[in-house]
Amino acid sequence: MQTIIKPWVSGIIDNLITVKLVLETNIEHKNRIALIILDNALEIAFKDYLSKVKKIRVKKEDLQHREQVHKVVKKQTKDIFDEDTWERVEFFYGLRCDFYHEEASKTITDTKIKEFYDVVEFIVDTLFSIESRNLLRSGEMLFDVEQPINNKRSFSINKVKEQINLIVVAVGEGSIASAKDVQDFLRQKGARIIPSVGVINKNLGNWYKHLFYLDSKNKKWTLSDEGQARYNEIIGDLK
C-alpha cells in the first residue's frame, strides 16, 4: 500500500534531499549551506506540526520568533522529545544564527553536520509519523539521470538461510526501530522464515551485538562497521 504524503511534509522532504545533494558537491562551504537548509527545514516542520497536526492557533507575531516557536512545540511534545534532543536543537540553532550573520569563511565539521541531519530527520519522522529515509530514496532518484526508473534492489530473500543474516539484511535495507519492523520487512520481501520477536531482540541486543547498535539520535537500529561488512558479503552472495 502506497503511503500518502501530506503536501507540507513533501516540502520538508525536498529540503532534506537538497541537503544531501549539496553535501555531494565540491562547494567549499557546503556544510555551512547544509546547516542553514537543515535549520530551515526544522523551523518549517515545527510550524507545520503546530498548525497542521496539532491544529493550534498561534499568534502570527509568535511564529516570527524562533524562541517562542521552540517554547510552544516543546510544550506540545513534552512526552515525545527528551531534554537531550532539545539541547541539540538549541545548539544547532545557535550555530545557524552565528553562521547566518558572521563571515562566510566560518564552517562546521562533517561530523557535526551529520549529527544535525540525524536530529532533524528524527524530529521530522516523529512529528509526522513518517520514515523520511524511504521517502528520500525515491526522491533522490529524480535528480540522478544515470539511475534507471526502477532503482529498487532486487534479490530473493529466501536465498538467505541463517536467521541472523536475515536480520542483518533487514537492518541494512530497511528503517528498523523494533523487532516488529524486522518482521514487517521480511514479510514484504516474501521471506519464508520469519524469526520471532524474542529471537530478533536477542540477536540485536545480546548474541550479535557487535553487528548492530541503536542510534541514540533517531532511535533506529544501525549496522556497525562489522555489521556492514557482513551485510555486503551477504548481498554479494545474492547477486
C-alpha atoms as a PDB file:
ATOM      1  CA  MET A   1       0.000   0.000   0.000  1.00  0.00           C
ATOM      2  CA  GLN A   2       1.472   3.329  -1.044  1.00  0.00           C
ATOM      3  CA  THR A   3       1.946   5.908   1.700  1.00  0.00           C
ATOM      4  CA  ILE A   4       0.117   9.166   1.034  1.00  0.00           C
ATOM      5  CA  ILE A   5       2.365  12.085   1.961  1.00  0.00           C
ATOM      6  CA  LYS A   6       0.817  15.346   3.061  1.00  0.00           C
ATOM      7  CA  PRO A   7       1.862  18.310   0.872  1.00  0.00           C
ATOM      8  CA  TRP A   8       3.546  20.177   3.729  1.00  0.00           C
ATOM      9  CA  VAL A   9       5.632  17.089   4.536  1.00  0.00           C
ATOM     10  CA  SER A  10       6.734  16.877   0.891  1.00  0.00           C
ATOM     11  CA  GLY A  11       8.235  20.352   1.177  1.00  0.00           C
ATOM     12  CA  ILE A  12      10.279  19.317   4.202  1.00  0.00           C
ATOM     13  CA  ILE A  13      11.491  16.186   2.407  1.00  0.00           C
ATOM     14  CA  ASP A  14      12.550  18.388  -0.519  1.00  0.00           C
ATOM     15  CA  ASN A  15      14.770  20.321   1.889  1.00  0.00           C
ATOM     16  CA  LEU A  16      16.388  17.108   3.136  1.00  0.00           C
ATOM     17  CA  ILE A  17      17.000  15.985  -0.446  1.00  0.00           C
ATOM     18  CA  THR A  18      18.576  19.378  -1.180  1.00  0.00           C
ATOM     19  CA  VAL A  19      20.925  18.956   1.782  1.00  0.00           C
ATOM     20  CA  LYS A  20      22.077  15.568   0.500  1.00  0.00           C
ATOM     21  CA  LEU A  21      22.673  16.998  -2.961  1.00  0.00           C
ATOM     22  CA  VAL A  22      24.629  19.959  -1.582  1.00  0.00           C
ATOM     23  CA  LEU A  23      26.828  17.696   0.548  1.00  0.00           C
ATOM     24  CA  GLU A  24      27.749  15.657  -2.537  1.00  0.00           C
ATOM     25  CA  THR A  25      29.158  18.717  -4.318  1.00  0.00           C
ATOM     26  CA  ASN A  26      32.628  20.259  -4.142  1.00  0.00           C
ATOM     27  CA  ILE A  27      31.312  23.620  -2.931  1.00  0.00           C
ATOM     28  CA  GLU A  28      33.835  24.956  -0.437  1.00  0.00           C
ATOM     29  CA  HIS A  29      31.301  25.961   2.208  1.00  0.00           C
ATOM     30  CA  LYS A  30      28.766  23.199   1.560  1.00  0.00           C
ATOM     31  CA  ASN A  31      28.482  22.313   5.263  1.00  0.00           C
ATOM     32  CA  ARG A  32      27.559  25.876   6.117  1.00  0.00           C
ATOM     33  CA  ILE A  33      24.877  25.880   3.403  1.00  0.00           C
ATOM     34  CA  ALA A  34      23.588  22.482   4.560  1.00  0.00           C
ATOM     35  CA  LEU A  35      23.322  23.718   8.148  1.00  0.00           C
ATOM     36  CA  ILE A  36      21.165  26.677   7.137  1.00  0.00           C
ATOM     37  CA  ILE A  37      18.889  24.487   4.972  1.00  0.00           C
ATOM     38  CA  LEU A  38      18.523  21.907   7.749  1.00  0.00           C
ATOM     39  CA  ASP A  39      17.632  24.582  10.265  1.00  0.00           C
ATOM     40  CA  ASN A  40      15.076  25.979   7.833  1.00  0.00           C
ATOM     41  CA  ALA A  41      13.572  22.501   7.394  1.00  0.00           C
ATOM     42  CA  LEU A  42      13.318  22.141  11.166  1.00  0.00           C
ATOM     43  CA  GLU A  43      11.635  25.522  11.566  1.00  0.00           C
ATOM     44  CA  ILE A  44       9.092  24.667   8.864  1.00  0.00           C
ATOM     45  CA  ALA A  45       8.483  21.267  10.485  1.00  0.00           C
ATOM     46  CA  PHE A  46       7.795  22.862  13.866  1.00  0.00           C
ATOM     47  CA  LYS A  47       5.356  25.400  12.437  1.00  0.00           C
ATOM     48  CA  ASP A  48       3.551  22.848  10.270  1.00  0.00           C
ATOM     49  CA  TYR A  49       3.284  20.483  13.226  1.00  0.00           C
ATOM     50  CA  LEU A  50       1.567  23.166  15.281  1.00  0.00           C
ATOM     51  CA  SER A  51      -0.804  24.326  12.543  1.00  0.00           C
ATOM     52  CA  LYS A  52      -1.445  21.147  10.526  1.00  0.00           C
ATOM     53  CA  VAL A  53      -1.112  18.312  13.047  1.00  0.00           C
ATOM     54  CA  LYS A  54      -1.997  19.828  16.416  1.00  0.00           C
ATOM     55  CA  LYS A  55      -4.191  22.498  14.776  1.00  0.00           C
ATOM     56  CA  ILE A  56      -3.097  25.093  17.304  1.00  0.00           C
ATOM     57  CA  ARG A  57      -3.735  28.743  16.533  1.00  0.00           C
ATOM     58  CA  VAL A  58      -0.512  30.567  17.333  1.00  0.00           C
ATOM     59  CA  LYS A  59      -0.254  34.321  17.112  1.00  0.00           C
ATOM     60  CA  LYS A  60       1.462  35.445  13.921  1.00  0.00           C
ATOM     61  CA  GLU A  61       3.959  37.527  15.876  1.00  0.00           C
ATOM     62  CA  ASP A  62       4.901  34.472  17.962  1.00  0.00           C
ATOM     63  CA  LEU A  63       5.653  32.471  14.824  1.00  0.00           C
ATOM     64  CA  GLN A  64       8.122  35.167  13.801  1.00  0.00           C
ATOM     65  CA  HIS A  65      10.243  34.500  16.887  1.00  0.00           C
ATOM     66  CA  ARG A  66      12.073  31.181  16.820  1.00  0.00           C
ATOM     67  CA  GLU A  67      12.482  31.010  20.586  1.00  0.00           C
ATOM     68  CA  GLN A  68       8.710  31.244  21.002  1.00  0.00           C
ATOM     69  CA  VAL A  69       8.151  28.544  18.372  1.00  0.00           C
ATOM     70  CA  HIS A  70      10.510  26.245  20.286  1.00  0.00           C
ATOM     71  CA  LYS A  71       8.685  27.009  23.526  1.00  0.00           C
ATOM     72  CA  VAL A  72       5.260  26.108  22.107  1.00  0.00           C
ATOM     73  CA  VAL A  73       6.481  22.948  20.341  1.00  0.00           C
ATOM     74  CA  LYS A  74       8.386  21.836  23.438  1.00  0.00           C
ATOM     75  CA  LYS A  75       5.197  22.120  25.483  1.00  0.00           C
ATOM     76  CA  GLN A  76       3.231  20.101  22.924  1.00  0.00           C
ATOM     77  CA  THR A  77       5.892  17.364  22.708  1.00  0.00           C
ATOM     78  CA  LYS A  78       6.931  17.091  26.358  1.00  0.00           C
ATOM     79  CA  ASP A  79       6.150  13.356  26.331  1.00  0.00           C
ATOM     80  CA  ILE A  80       7.872  12.790  22.976  1.00  0.00           C
ATOM     81  CA  PHE A  81      11.259  14.531  22.937  1.00  0.00           C
ATOM     82  CA  ASP A  82      13.667  14.412  25.866  1.00  0.00           C
ATOM     83  CA  GLU A  83      15.851  17.247  27.109  1.00  0.00           C
ATOM     84  CA  ASP A  84      18.865  15.935  25.192  1.00  0.00           C
ATOM     85  CA  THR A  85      17.009  16.367  21.902  1.00  0.00           C
ATOM     86  CA  TRP A  86      16.088  19.952  22.745  1.00  0.00           C
ATOM     87  CA  GLU A  87      19.653  20.744  23.813  1.00  0.00           C
ATOM     88  CA  ARG A  88      20.816  19.626  20.367  1.00  0.00           C
ATOM     89  CA  VAL A  89      18.110  21.697  18.678  1.00  0.00           C
ATOM     90  CA  GLU A  90      19.151  24.814  20.612  1.00  0.00           C
ATOM     91  CA  PHE A  91      22.848  24.160  19.991  1.00  0.00           C
ATOM     92  CA  PHE A  92      22.481  23.901  16.224  1.00  0.00           C
ATOM     93  CA  TYR A  93      20.068  26.827  16.101  1.00  0.00           C
ATOM     94  CA  GLY A  94      22.756  28.890  17.828  1.00  0.00           C
ATOM     95  CA  LEU A  95      25.288  27.771  15.218  1.00  0.00           C
ATOM     96  CA  ARG A  96      22.889  28.654  12.443  1.00  0.00           C
ATOM     97  CA  CYS A  97      22.468  32.174  13.843  1.00  0.00           C
ATOM     98  CA  ASP A  98      26.244  32.595  14.065  1.00  0.00           C
ATOM     99  CA  PHE A  99      26.766  31.368  10.514  1.00  0.00           C
ATOM    100  CA  TYR A 100      23.944  33.436   9.091  1.00  0.00           C
ATOM    101  CA  HIS A 101      25.300  36.693  10.443  1.00  0.00           C
ATOM    102  CA  GLU A 102      29.076  36.133  10.508  1.00  0.00           C
ATOM    103  CA  GLU A 103      31.723  35.929   7.796  1.00  0.00           C
ATOM    104  CA  ALA A 104      31.288  33.343   5.043  1.00  0.00           C
ATOM    105  CA  SER A 105      34.593  31.628   5.857  1.00  0.00           C
ATOM    106  CA  LYS A 106      33.222  30.113   9.076  1.00  0.00           C
ATOM    107  CA  THR A 107      32.230  26.463   8.659  1.00  0.00           C
ATOM    108  CA  ILE A 108      31.162  23.298  10.506  1.00  0.00           C
ATOM    109  CA  THR A 109      32.691  19.811  10.572  1.00  0.00           C
ATOM    110  CA  ASP A 110      31.316  16.849   8.631  1.00  0.00           C
ATOM    111  CA  THR A 111      30.641  15.048  11.920  1.00  0.00           C
ATOM    112  CA  LYS A 112      28.540  17.892  13.293  1.00  0.00           C
ATOM    113  CA  ILE A 113      26.537  18.329  10.102  1.00  0.00           C
ATOM    114  CA  LYS A 114      25.716  14.589  10.100  1.00  0.00           C
ATOM    115  CA  GLU A 115      24.669  14.833  13.743  1.00  0.00           C
ATOM    116  CA  PHE A 116      22.343  17.737  12.945  1.00  0.00           C
ATOM    117  CA  TYR A 117      20.939  15.892   9.928  1.00  0.00           C
ATOM    118  CA  ASP A 118      20.142  12.899  12.143  1.00  0.00           C
ATOM    119  CA  VAL A 119      18.464  15.153  14.716  1.00  0.00           C
ATOM    120  CA  VAL A 120      16.286  16.831  12.077  1.00  0.00           C
ATOM    121  CA  GLU A 121      15.407  13.502  10.468  1.00  0.00           C
ATOM    122  CA  PHE A 122      14.426  12.025  13.836  1.00  0.00           C
ATOM    123  CA  ILE A 123      12.247  15.020  14.736  1.00  0.00           C
ATOM    124  CA  VAL A 124      10.538  15.151  11.332  1.00  0.00           C
ATOM    125  CA  ASP A 125       9.847  11.400  11.369  1.00  0.00           C
ATOM    126  CA  THR A 126       8.419  11.620  14.883  1.00  0.00           C
ATOM    127  CA  LEU A 127       6.260  14.704  14.342  1.00  0.00           C
ATOM    128  CA  PHE A 128       4.670  13.456  11.120  1.00  0.00           C
ATOM    129  CA  SER A 129       4.787   9.657  11.667  1.00  0.00           C
ATOM    130  CA  ILE A 130       6.849   9.006   8.535  1.00  0.00           C
ATOM    131  CA  GLU A 131      10.117   7.299   7.579  1.00  0.00           C
ATOM    132  CA  SER A 132      11.899  10.020   5.666  1.00  0.00           C
ATOM    133  CA  ARG A 133      14.795   7.767   4.663  1.00  0.00           C
ATOM    134  CA  ASN A 134      12.455   5.716   2.486  1.00  0.00           C
ATOM    135  CA  LEU A 135      10.955   8.890   1.019  1.00  0.00           C
ATOM    136  CA  LEU A 136      14.426  10.313   0.382  1.00  0.00           C
ATOM    137  CA  ARG A 137      15.448   7.222  -1.575  1.00  0.00           C
ATOM    138  CA  SER A 138      12.566   7.677  -4.005  1.00  0.00           C
ATOM    139  CA  GLY A 139      13.025  11.440  -4.178  1.00  0.00           C
ATOM    140  CA  GLU A 140      16.743  11.333  -4.879  1.00  0.00           C
ATOM    141  CA  MET A 141      16.130   9.189  -7.955  1.00  0.00           C
ATOM    142  CA  LEU A 142      14.536  12.208  -9.611  1.00  0.00           C
ATOM    143  CA  PHE A 143      17.876  14.009  -9.526  1.00  0.00           C
ATOM    144  CA  ASP A 144      20.066  11.158 -10.797  1.00  0.00           C
ATOM    145  CA  VAL A 145      19.767  10.924 -14.580  1.00  0.00           C
ATOM    146  CA  GLU A 146      22.035   7.883 -14.725  1.00  0.00           C
ATOM    147  CA  GLN A 147      19.758   5.794 -12.500  1.00  0.00           C
ATOM    148  CA  PRO A 148      17.091   3.585 -14.094  1.00  0.00           C
ATOM    149  CA  ILE A 149      13.482   4.398 -13.280  1.00  0.00           C
ATOM    150  CA  ASN A 150      13.220   1.295 -11.092  1.00  0.00           C
ATOM    151  CA  ASN A 151      16.243   1.525  -8.813  1.00  0.00           C
ATOM    152  CA  LYS A 152      14.908  -0.740  -6.070  1.00  0.00           C
ATOM    153  CA  ARG A 153      17.328  -3.506  -5.069  1.00  0.00           C
ATOM    154  CA  SER A 154      16.005  -6.837  -6.299  1.00  0.00           C
ATOM    155  CA  PHE A 155      17.036 -10.140  -4.740  1.00  0.00           C
ATOM    156  CA  SER A 156      15.459 -13.282  -3.316  1.00  0.00           C
ATOM    157  CA  ILE A 157      15.400 -13.048   0.469  1.00  0.00           C
ATOM    158  CA  ASN A 158      14.820 -16.805   0.636  1.00  0.00           C
ATOM    159  CA  LYS A 159      18.389 -17.397  -0.506  1.00  0.00           C
ATOM    160  CA  VAL A 160      19.408 -16.117   2.928  1.00  0.00           C
ATOM    161  CA  LYS A 161      19.295 -19.166   5.200  1.00  0.00           C
ATOM    162  CA  GLU A 162      20.532 -18.049   8.637  1.00  0.00           C
ATOM    163  CA  GLN A 163      18.218 -16.027  10.862  1.00  0.00           C
ATOM    164  CA  ILE A 164      20.988 -13.637  11.904  1.00  0.00           C
ATOM    165  CA  ASN A 165      21.706 -12.903   8.237  1.00  0.00           C
ATOM    166  CA  LEU A 166      18.017 -12.160   7.640  1.00  0.00           C
ATOM    167  CA  ILE A 167      18.166  -9.626  10.470  1.00  0.00           C
ATOM    168  CA  VAL A 168      21.376  -8.094   9.099  1.00  0.00           C
ATOM    169  CA  VAL A 169      19.734  -7.645   5.689  1.00  0.00           C
ATOM    170  CA  ALA A 170      16.626  -6.114   7.268  1.00  0.00           C
ATOM    171  CA  VAL A 171      18.655  -3.560   9.228  1.00  0.00           C
ATOM    172  CA  GLY A 172      20.846  -2.812   6.211  1.00  0.00           C
ATOM    173  CA  GLU A 173      17.924  -2.373   3.814  1.00  0.00           C
ATOM    174  CA  GLY A 174      15.096  -1.035   5.959  1.00  0.00           C
ATOM    175  CA  SER A 175      14.334   1.578   8.596  1.00  0.00           C
ATOM    176  CA  ILE A 176      14.320  -0.578  11.712  1.00  0.00           C
ATOM    177  CA  ALA A 177      13.252   0.674  15.125  1.00  0.00           C
ATOM    178  CA  SER A 178      11.925  -2.584  16.573  1.00  0.00           C
ATOM    179  CA  ALA A 179      11.757  -6.347  16.119  1.00  0.00           C
ATOM    180  CA  LYS A 180       8.327  -5.905  14.527  1.00  0.00           C
ATOM    181  CA  ASP A 181       9.924  -3.693  11.852  1.00  0.00           C
ATOM    182  CA  VAL A 182      12.292  -6.566  11.034  1.00  0.00           C
ATOM    183  CA  GLN A 183       9.343  -8.945  10.688  1.00  0.00           C
ATOM    184  CA  ASP A 184       7.410  -6.481   8.523  1.00  0.00           C
ATOM    185  CA  PHE A 185      10.419  -6.016   6.227  1.00  0.00           C
ATOM    186  CA  LEU A 186      10.877  -9.770   5.814  1.00  0.00           C
ATOM    187  CA  ARG A 187       7.177 -10.280   5.101  1.00  0.00           C
ATOM    188  CA  GLN A 188       7.295  -7.515   2.497  1.00  0.00           C
ATOM    189  CA  LYS A 189      10.224  -9.335   0.879  1.00  0.00           C
ATOM    190  CA  GLY A 190       8.293 -12.613   0.872  1.00  0.00           C
ATOM    191  CA  ALA A 191      10.562 -14.417   3.326  1.00  0.00           C
ATOM    192  CA  ARG A 192       9.511 -17.947   4.273  1.00  0.00           C
ATOM    193  CA  ILE A 193      11.427 -17.745   7.557  1.00  0.00           C
ATOM    194  CA  ILE A 194      10.315 -15.009   9.966  1.00  0.00           C
ATOM    195  CA  PRO A 195      12.264 -15.009  13.264  1.00  0.00           C
ATOM    196  CA  SER A 196      10.226 -14.443  16.413  1.00  0.00           C
ATOM    197  CA  VAL A 197      10.309 -11.097  18.228  1.00  0.00           C
ATOM    198  CA  GLY A 198      12.290 -12.720  21.050  1.00  0.00           C
ATOM    199  CA  VAL A 199      14.935 -14.129  18.708  1.00  0.00           C
ATOM    200  CA  ILE A 200      15.273 -10.816  16.867  1.00  0.00           C
ATOM    201  CA  ASN A 201      15.710  -8.863  20.104  1.00  0.00           C
ATOM    202  CA  LYS A 202      18.336 -11.313  21.374  1.00  0.00           C
ATOM    203  CA  ASN A 203      20.239 -11.075  18.084  1.00  0.00           C
ATOM    204  CA  LEU A 204      20.130  -7.276  18.093  1.00  0.00           C
ATOM    205  CA  GLY A 205      20.998  -6.769  21.735  1.00  0.00           C
ATOM    206  CA  ASN A 206      22.953  -9.756  23.023  1.00  0.00           C
ATOM    207  CA  TRP A 207      24.035 -12.568  20.751  1.00  0.00           C
ATOM    208  CA  TYR A 208      25.321 -10.432  17.875  1.00  0.00           C
ATOM    209  CA  LYS A 209      25.599  -7.001  19.483  1.00  0.00           C
ATOM    210  CA  HIS A 210      28.893  -6.422  17.633  1.00  0.00           C
ATOM    211  CA  LEU A 211      26.896  -6.223  14.381  1.00  0.00           C
ATOM    212  CA  PHE A 212      24.322  -3.611  15.450  1.00  0.00           C
ATOM    213  CA  TYR A 213      23.872  -0.511  17.557  1.00  0.00           C
ATOM    214  CA  LEU A 214      20.839   1.583  18.437  1.00  0.00           C
ATOM    215  CA  ASP A 215      21.354   5.131  17.165  1.00  0.00           C
ATOM    216  CA  SER A 216      20.607   7.375  20.143  1.00  0.00           C
ATOM    217  CA  LYS A 217      19.506  10.261  17.911  1.00  0.00           C
ATOM    218  CA  ASN A 218      16.949   8.680  15.589  1.00  0.00           C
ATOM    219  CA  LYS A 219      16.198   5.608  17.741  1.00  0.00           C
ATOM    220  CA  LYS A 220      16.803   3.264  14.792  1.00  0.00           C
ATOM    221  CA  TRP A 221      18.918   0.111  14.651  1.00  0.00           C
ATOM    222  CA  THR A 222      22.022   0.601  12.513  1.00  0.00           C
ATOM    223  CA  LEU A 223      24.762  -1.707  11.274  1.00  0.00           C
ATOM    224  CA  SER A 224      28.173  -1.363  12.906  1.00  0.00           C
ATOM    225  CA  ASP A 225      31.247  -1.433  10.660  1.00  0.00           C
ATOM    226  CA  GLU A 226      31.420  -5.177  11.301  1.00  0.00           C
ATOM    227  CA  GLY A 227      27.726  -5.496  10.527  1.00  0.00           C
ATOM    228  CA  GLN A 228      28.103  -3.508   7.308  1.00  0.00           C
ATOM    229  CA  ALA A 229      30.902  -5.831   6.200  1.00  0.00           C
ATOM    230  CA  ARG A 230      28.697  -8.856   6.860  1.00  0.00           C
ATOM    231  CA  TYR A 231      25.782  -7.198   5.036  1.00  0.00           C
ATOM    232  CA  ASN A 232      27.982  -6.528   1.981  1.00  0.00           C
ATOM    233  CA  GLU A 233      29.099 -10.157   1.991  1.00  0.00           C
ATOM    234  CA  ILE A 234      25.506 -11.428   2.182  1.00  0.00           C
ATOM    235  CA  ILE A 235      24.277  -9.151  -0.601  1.00  0.00           C
ATOM    236  CA  GLY A 236      27.317 -10.021  -2.713  1.00  0.00           C
ATOM    237  CA  ASP A 237      26.450 -13.713  -2.482  1.00  0.00           C
ATOM    238  CA  LEU A 238      22.895 -12.983  -3.638  1.00  0.00           C
ATOM    239  CA  LYS A 239      23.961 -11.329  -6.908  1.00  0.00           C
END
